[in-house]
Every structure is written in structure tokens, then in C-alpha cells.
Amino acid sequence: MNKLQVWNYDESVEWMKPRISKWVDMWDEIEPELIIAKQETSSQGARTDLTSGTNSRGWGQYCKDIGITKRWANKLIAKTELESILGSTGFECYTPAKYVESAREVMGGIDIDPASSEQANETIKATTYLTIDNDGLTYDWIGRVWLNPPYGRSLTSTFVEYAINQYNTGNTTEAIILLNAYGFDAKWFQDLFNHILCFTNHRLKFYGGGPTFGSVFAYLGNNKQSFAKEFSQYGAVMERYRDE
């Protein structure tokens, strides 16, 4: 079996600091500019491949112009994307209001958001919201649920499994769950294929950062037609094929 070689960021930083110290120290400031520049040079026909490290002259020339090696720039961007996927840069990213309004349109309201905060609930407007301080996993989720679970290793799967359990037991009457679409092949995701899904055709611009992949909305409930009609504006709505 092939072993995945994991790049140790901390060790690499220590080794590279004397060589590119200004870029390490200024990373928080230059990161957005670097990522945007890579996207722009790629969209202009510059081929970018993080895994093989092969890039066309557009991206390479940009790195050369600002005085950083292409290889190091790729590693910094890869680190940022990996942290976003794993949730290690933080658990909270807030959903843009238009998607929440669509959820409210489908369900007629939101009774509980079990993974929220005071700031997030300014947009969600749930009757009850639970935070990291009072642990939503220790409560019954009664009524109509909005769930954008925390992105962090096992946290997402735990919240999704709990949501499905609350729906199956009858505590939850309807739920809309927003997830990072990269995990659709995970074991914990498979039960969601028993419900109707919307895979987005774009990346959501979360408040406070967020995933670097597309998203998927899962609807648990009996109002499937309303969900399909409302969320089809955001991407492809689908259900598991069943041979009648």
C-alpha cells in the first residue's frame, strides 16, 4: 500500500524563514492577494496543478515578480486550502442570508439552530439557538431545524448523524442541512442520500471564511417539492433512484 507523505508545515517554515522571512511574517496579509492572483492567472489560461507542481508561465511569472518561489507559494496555498477542508482554521463560518431565506421559505420558519452563535442568529433568526457553550448535541431538536454544522474533523459527522436521529425519532419535523460537498463519499453522508439534496453549482461566500469546495443542502421532511423548486436556483436537485 502506498503511504501518503505528509508535508510538515512547521518544519518547512523554520527551514525557509531565513530565506523568505518577509513572506512568512506577512502571510496573513499577502494570502488573499496570492490566492486571487493564482486564480486569475489560471483563468487566463495558465494551467495550475497543486499536486504535481506544474504551472504555466502566468503563475510562475507572477511569483517571480513578487520575489517568491512558485513551489513555496503553492505550498502556502495548499496549506490554507487543507486547513479549510479540515476545519482547523476555526469552526465558525456564517451562511449568507439568501440561503437562509430560502430555507425559511421552504419550512415556513426556523425553530432551532443547534450549532450557532449570537452573531449567526442575527441572520438565521431561529426561535432557539444553541452555541458551543451549551452544546447542541445534548438537546432534543424540536420542530424545524437549520443546521450548518461546525467544520472540524469528526464534528460534522457527529452533528449530521444526530440530525438524522432527531428526524427519525420525530423530534425534528423538517431540517435543512448545509454541508461541504467534498464529503459526499464518507460513511456518515450515505444516509443523506435517502433524502433530497441540492449540490450547488457555485461556491458559497461564507461570512468568516469557509470551504474551498462546493456545497450541498440536504432536506429532511415531507415538503420535497417546495425544496426542489426553491433550491434549484442554486444548483442540481436530486434524489436517490428507486426501482418501483
Protein backbone atom coordinates (compact mmCIF):
# COMPACT_ATOMS: atom_id res chain seq x y z
CA MET A 1 0.00 0.00 0.00
CA ASN A 2 1.32 3.42 -0.90
CA LYS A 3 1.89 5.73 2.03
CA LEU A 4 0.83 9.34 1.80
CA GLN A 5 3.77 11.57 2.59
CA VAL A 6 2.54 14.39 4.80
CA TRP A 7 4.32 17.69 4.42
CA ASN A 8 5.23 19.17 7.81
CA TYR A 9 4.40 22.84 7.53
CA ASP A 10 6.02 23.89 10.81
CA GLU A 11 9.35 22.27 9.95
CA SER A 12 9.27 23.77 6.47
CA VAL A 13 8.61 27.22 7.85
CA GLU A 14 11.60 27.00 10.19
CA TRP A 15 13.83 25.88 7.34
CA MET A 16 12.58 28.56 4.97
CA LYS A 17 12.35 31.51 7.38
CA PRO A 18 15.87 32.82 6.74
CA ARG A 19 15.21 32.55 3.01
CA ILE A 20 11.77 34.12 2.75
CA SER A 21 11.24 35.55 6.22
CA LYS A 22 9.30 38.55 4.98
CA TRP A 23 6.72 36.31 3.30
CA VAL A 24 6.28 34.10 6.38
CA ASP A 25 5.86 37.12 8.60
CA MET A 26 3.46 38.80 6.17
CA TRP A 27 1.45 35.69 5.23
CA ASP A 28 -1.81 36.85 6.81
CA GLU A 29 -1.61 40.00 4.70
CA ILE A 30 -0.50 38.51 1.39
CA GLU A 31 -2.50 35.27 1.50
CA PRO A 32 -5.69 36.70 -0.09
CA GLU A 33 -3.69 38.51 -2.77
CA LEU A 34 -1.67 35.38 -3.56
CA ILE A 35 -4.73 33.15 -3.86
CA ILE A 36 -6.58 35.66 -6.04
CA ALA A 37 -3.53 36.06 -8.26
CA LYS A 38 -3.29 32.32 -8.74
CA GLN A 39 -6.96 32.07 -9.64
CA GLU A 40 -6.65 34.95 -12.10
CA THR A 41 -3.55 33.61 -13.84
CA SER A 42 -5.19 30.20 -14.06
CA SER A 43 -8.41 31.61 -15.51
CA GLN A 44 -6.37 33.42 -18.13
CA GLY A 45 -5.14 30.11 -19.47
CA ALA A 46 -2.35 29.45 -17.01
CA ARG A 47 -2.60 25.79 -16.04
CA THR A 48 -2.28 25.18 -12.32
CA ASP A 49 -1.72 21.83 -10.66
CA LEU A 50 -1.05 21.81 -6.92
CA THR A 51 -0.34 18.09 -6.75
CA SER A 52 2.31 17.93 -9.43
CA GLY A 53 3.60 21.46 -9.03
CA THR A 54 3.37 22.15 -12.76
CA ASN A 55 2.26 25.62 -13.69
CA SER A 56 2.32 27.72 -16.80
CA ARG A 57 4.27 30.93 -17.18
CA GLY A 58 1.43 33.18 -15.96
CA TRP A 59 1.53 31.97 -12.38
CA GLY A 60 5.26 31.37 -12.38
CA GLN A 61 5.97 34.86 -13.68
CA TYR A 62 3.73 36.40 -11.03
CA CYS A 63 5.65 34.62 -8.25
CA LYS A 64 8.94 35.69 -9.79
CA ASP A 65 7.78 39.32 -9.99
CA ILE A 66 6.91 39.46 -6.28
CA GLY A 67 10.06 37.63 -5.23
CA ILE A 68 8.71 34.28 -4.00
CA THR A 69 9.33 30.84 -5.44
CA LYS A 70 6.43 29.17 -7.20
CA ARG A 71 6.95 25.99 -5.16
CA TRP A 72 6.73 27.83 -1.83
CA ALA A 73 3.68 29.83 -2.93
CA ASN A 74 1.93 26.59 -3.92
CA LYS A 75 2.67 25.05 -0.53
CA LEU A 76 1.32 28.05 1.34
CA ILE A 77 -1.89 27.98 -0.68
CA ALA A 78 -2.21 24.21 -0.30
CA LYS A 79 -1.84 24.57 3.46
CA THR A 80 -4.61 27.16 3.57
CA GLU A 81 -6.94 25.00 1.47
CA LEU A 82 -6.23 21.92 3.58
CA GLU A 83 -6.94 23.82 6.79
CA SER A 84 -10.22 25.00 5.34
CA ILE A 85 -11.22 21.43 4.46
CA LEU A 86 -10.29 20.04 7.87
CA GLY A 87 -11.75 22.95 9.75
CA SER A 88 -8.50 23.60 11.63
CA THR A 89 -8.61 27.34 10.98
CA GLY A 90 -11.79 27.69 13.02
CA PHE A 91 -15.22 26.14 13.47
CA GLU A 92 -17.48 29.06 12.65
CA CYS A 93 -18.41 30.34 9.24
CA TYR A 94 -21.74 32.06 8.77
CA THR A 95 -24.17 31.34 5.97
CA PRO A 96 -25.10 34.16 3.57
CA ALA A 97 -28.61 35.41 4.20
CA LYS A 98 -30.18 34.44 0.85
CA TYR A 99 -29.74 30.71 1.50
CA VAL A 100 -31.24 31.04 4.96
CA GLU A 101 -34.19 32.93 3.49
CA SER A 102 -34.71 30.05 1.06
CA ALA A 103 -34.69 27.58 3.94
CA ARG A 104 -37.25 29.71 5.74
CA GLU A 105 -39.36 29.82 2.57
CA VAL A 106 -39.40 26.01 2.37
CA MET A 107 -40.03 25.26 6.04
CA GLY A 108 -42.10 28.32 6.94
CA GLY A 109 -39.67 29.27 9.70
CA ILE A 110 -36.77 28.01 11.77
CA ASP A 111 -37.47 26.76 15.27
CA ILE A 112 -33.95 25.78 16.24
CA ASP A 113 -30.37 26.17 15.07
CA PRO A 114 -28.31 23.75 17.18
CA ALA A 115 -24.86 24.92 16.01
CA SER A 116 -24.98 28.68 16.13
CA SER A 117 -23.91 31.84 17.91
CA GLU A 118 -25.43 35.18 18.80
CA GLN A 119 -23.88 36.73 15.70
CA ALA A 120 -25.03 33.95 13.38
CA ASN A 121 -28.57 34.10 14.69
CA GLU A 122 -28.87 37.69 13.55
CA THR A 123 -29.19 36.11 10.09
CA ILE A 124 -30.77 32.75 10.94
CA LYS A 125 -33.43 34.25 13.25
CA ALA A 126 -34.15 30.88 14.85
CA THR A 127 -36.58 30.86 17.75
CA THR A 128 -33.98 28.91 19.73
CA TYR A 129 -30.28 28.71 19.00
CA LEU A 130 -27.60 26.68 20.73
CA THR A 131 -23.91 27.54 20.87
CA ILE A 132 -20.60 25.89 21.66
CA ASP A 133 -21.18 26.89 25.28
CA ASN A 134 -24.37 24.88 25.77
CA ASP A 135 -23.65 22.05 23.28
CA GLY A 136 -26.48 21.41 20.85
CA LEU A 137 -25.82 17.67 20.93
CA THR A 138 -27.23 17.45 24.48
CA TYR A 139 -30.68 18.76 23.48
CA ASP A 140 -33.65 17.47 21.52
CA TRP A 141 -34.10 19.40 18.29
CA ILE A 142 -37.82 20.10 18.27
CA GLY A 143 -39.56 21.37 15.14
CA ARG A 144 -37.94 22.90 12.06
CA VAL A 145 -34.15 22.82 12.07
CA TRP A 146 -31.49 24.78 10.25
CA LEU A 147 -28.04 23.20 10.58
CA ASN A 148 -24.72 24.47 9.30
CA PRO A 149 -22.55 22.17 11.43
CA PRO A 150 -19.08 23.09 12.64
CA TYR A 151 -16.37 22.11 10.16
CA GLY A 152 -13.77 20.20 12.07
CA ARG A 153 -12.69 16.59 11.78
CA SER A 154 -15.41 14.47 13.47
CA LEU A 155 -17.69 17.38 14.38
CA THR A 156 -19.52 17.48 11.07
CA SER A 157 -20.33 13.76 11.05
CA THR A 158 -21.48 13.85 14.69
CA PHE A 159 -23.92 16.69 14.05
CA VAL A 160 -25.26 15.12 10.84
CA GLU A 161 -25.82 11.74 12.49
CA TYR A 162 -27.58 13.45 15.38
CA ALA A 163 -29.78 15.43 12.98
CA ILE A 164 -30.87 12.26 11.18
CA ASN A 165 -31.58 10.59 14.52
CA GLN A 166 -33.71 13.53 15.68
CA TYR A 167 -35.68 13.41 12.44
CA ASN A 168 -36.19 9.64 12.59
CA THR A 169 -37.43 9.83 16.18
CA GLY A 170 -39.95 12.54 15.27
CA ASN A 171 -38.46 15.37 17.32
CA THR A 172 -37.47 17.19 14.14
CA THR A 173 -40.30 17.73 11.67
CA GLU A 174 -38.14 19.28 8.94
CA ALA A 175 -34.46 20.10 8.58
CA ILE A 176 -32.17 21.73 6.06
CA ILE A 177 -28.51 20.88 6.49
CA LEU A 178 -25.71 22.77 4.75
CA LEU A 179 -22.52 20.81 4.17
CA ASN A 180 -19.23 20.92 2.31
CA ALA A 181 -19.83 18.73 -0.75
CA TYR A 182 -16.37 17.15 -0.70
CA GLY A 183 -17.54 14.62 1.92
CA PHE A 184 -20.36 13.00 -0.05
CA ASP A 185 -18.46 9.69 -0.23
CA ALA A 186 -17.96 9.49 3.54
CA LYS A 187 -19.78 6.79 5.51
CA TRP A 188 -21.65 9.34 7.63
CA PHE A 189 -23.02 11.06 4.49
CA GLN A 190 -24.67 7.98 2.99
CA ASP A 191 -27.94 8.23 4.95
CA LEU A 192 -28.47 11.68 3.48
CA PHE A 193 -28.89 10.08 0.06
CA ASN A 194 -32.23 8.78 1.37
CA HIS A 195 -33.36 12.40 1.31
CA ILE A 196 -33.48 15.10 -1.34
CA LEU A 197 -30.26 17.03 -1.99
CA CYS A 198 -29.12 20.16 -3.79
CA PHE A 199 -25.49 20.22 -4.95
CA THR A 200 -24.55 23.84 -5.60
CA ASN A 201 -23.19 24.97 -8.95
CA HIS A 202 -21.02 27.61 -7.24
CA ARG A 203 -19.04 28.15 -4.06
CA LEU A 204 -20.84 29.87 -1.21
CA LYS A 205 -19.19 33.04 0.06
CA PHE A 206 -19.44 32.42 3.79
CA TYR A 207 -19.01 35.20 6.28
CA GLY A 208 -15.81 34.50 8.23
CA GLY A 209 -14.24 32.13 5.71
CA GLY A 210 -15.36 28.70 4.65
CA PRO A 211 -14.80 25.68 2.47
CA THR A 212 -12.90 25.79 -0.79
CA PHE A 213 -15.28 23.28 -2.40
CA GLY A 214 -18.88 23.40 -3.49
CA SER A 215 -21.68 22.85 -1.00
CA VAL A 216 -24.70 20.62 -0.66
CA PHE A 217 -28.03 21.27 1.00
CA ALA A 218 -29.90 18.26 2.38
CA TYR A 219 -33.61 18.45 3.11
CA LEU A 220 -35.25 16.14 5.63
CA GLY A 221 -39.02 16.34 5.54
CA ASN A 222 -42.18 15.85 3.51
CA ASN A 223 -42.15 19.13 1.60
CA LYS A 224 -39.78 17.95 -1.13
CA GLN A 225 -41.44 19.79 -3.99
CA SER A 226 -41.11 23.12 -2.22
CA PHE A 227 -37.42 22.41 -1.51
CA ALA A 228 -36.76 21.39 -5.12
CA LYS A 229 -38.48 24.46 -6.50
CA GLU A 230 -36.72 26.90 -4.17
CA PHE A 231 -33.21 25.43 -4.18
CA SER A 232 -32.97 24.58 -7.87
CA GLN A 233 -31.80 28.17 -8.36
CA TYR A 234 -28.59 27.22 -6.53
CA GLY A 235 -27.68 24.00 -8.32
CA ALA A 236 -28.76 20.46 -9.17
CA VAL A 237 -31.54 18.97 -7.05
CA MET A 238 -31.57 15.17 -6.90
CA GLU A 239 -32.86 12.11 -5.12
CA ARG A 240 -31.69 8.53 -4.97
CA TYR A 241 -33.11 6.40 -7.79
CA ARG A 242 -35.60 3.81 -6.55
CA ASP A 243 -36.79 0.96 -8.74
CA GLU A 244 -40.53 0.83 -8.14
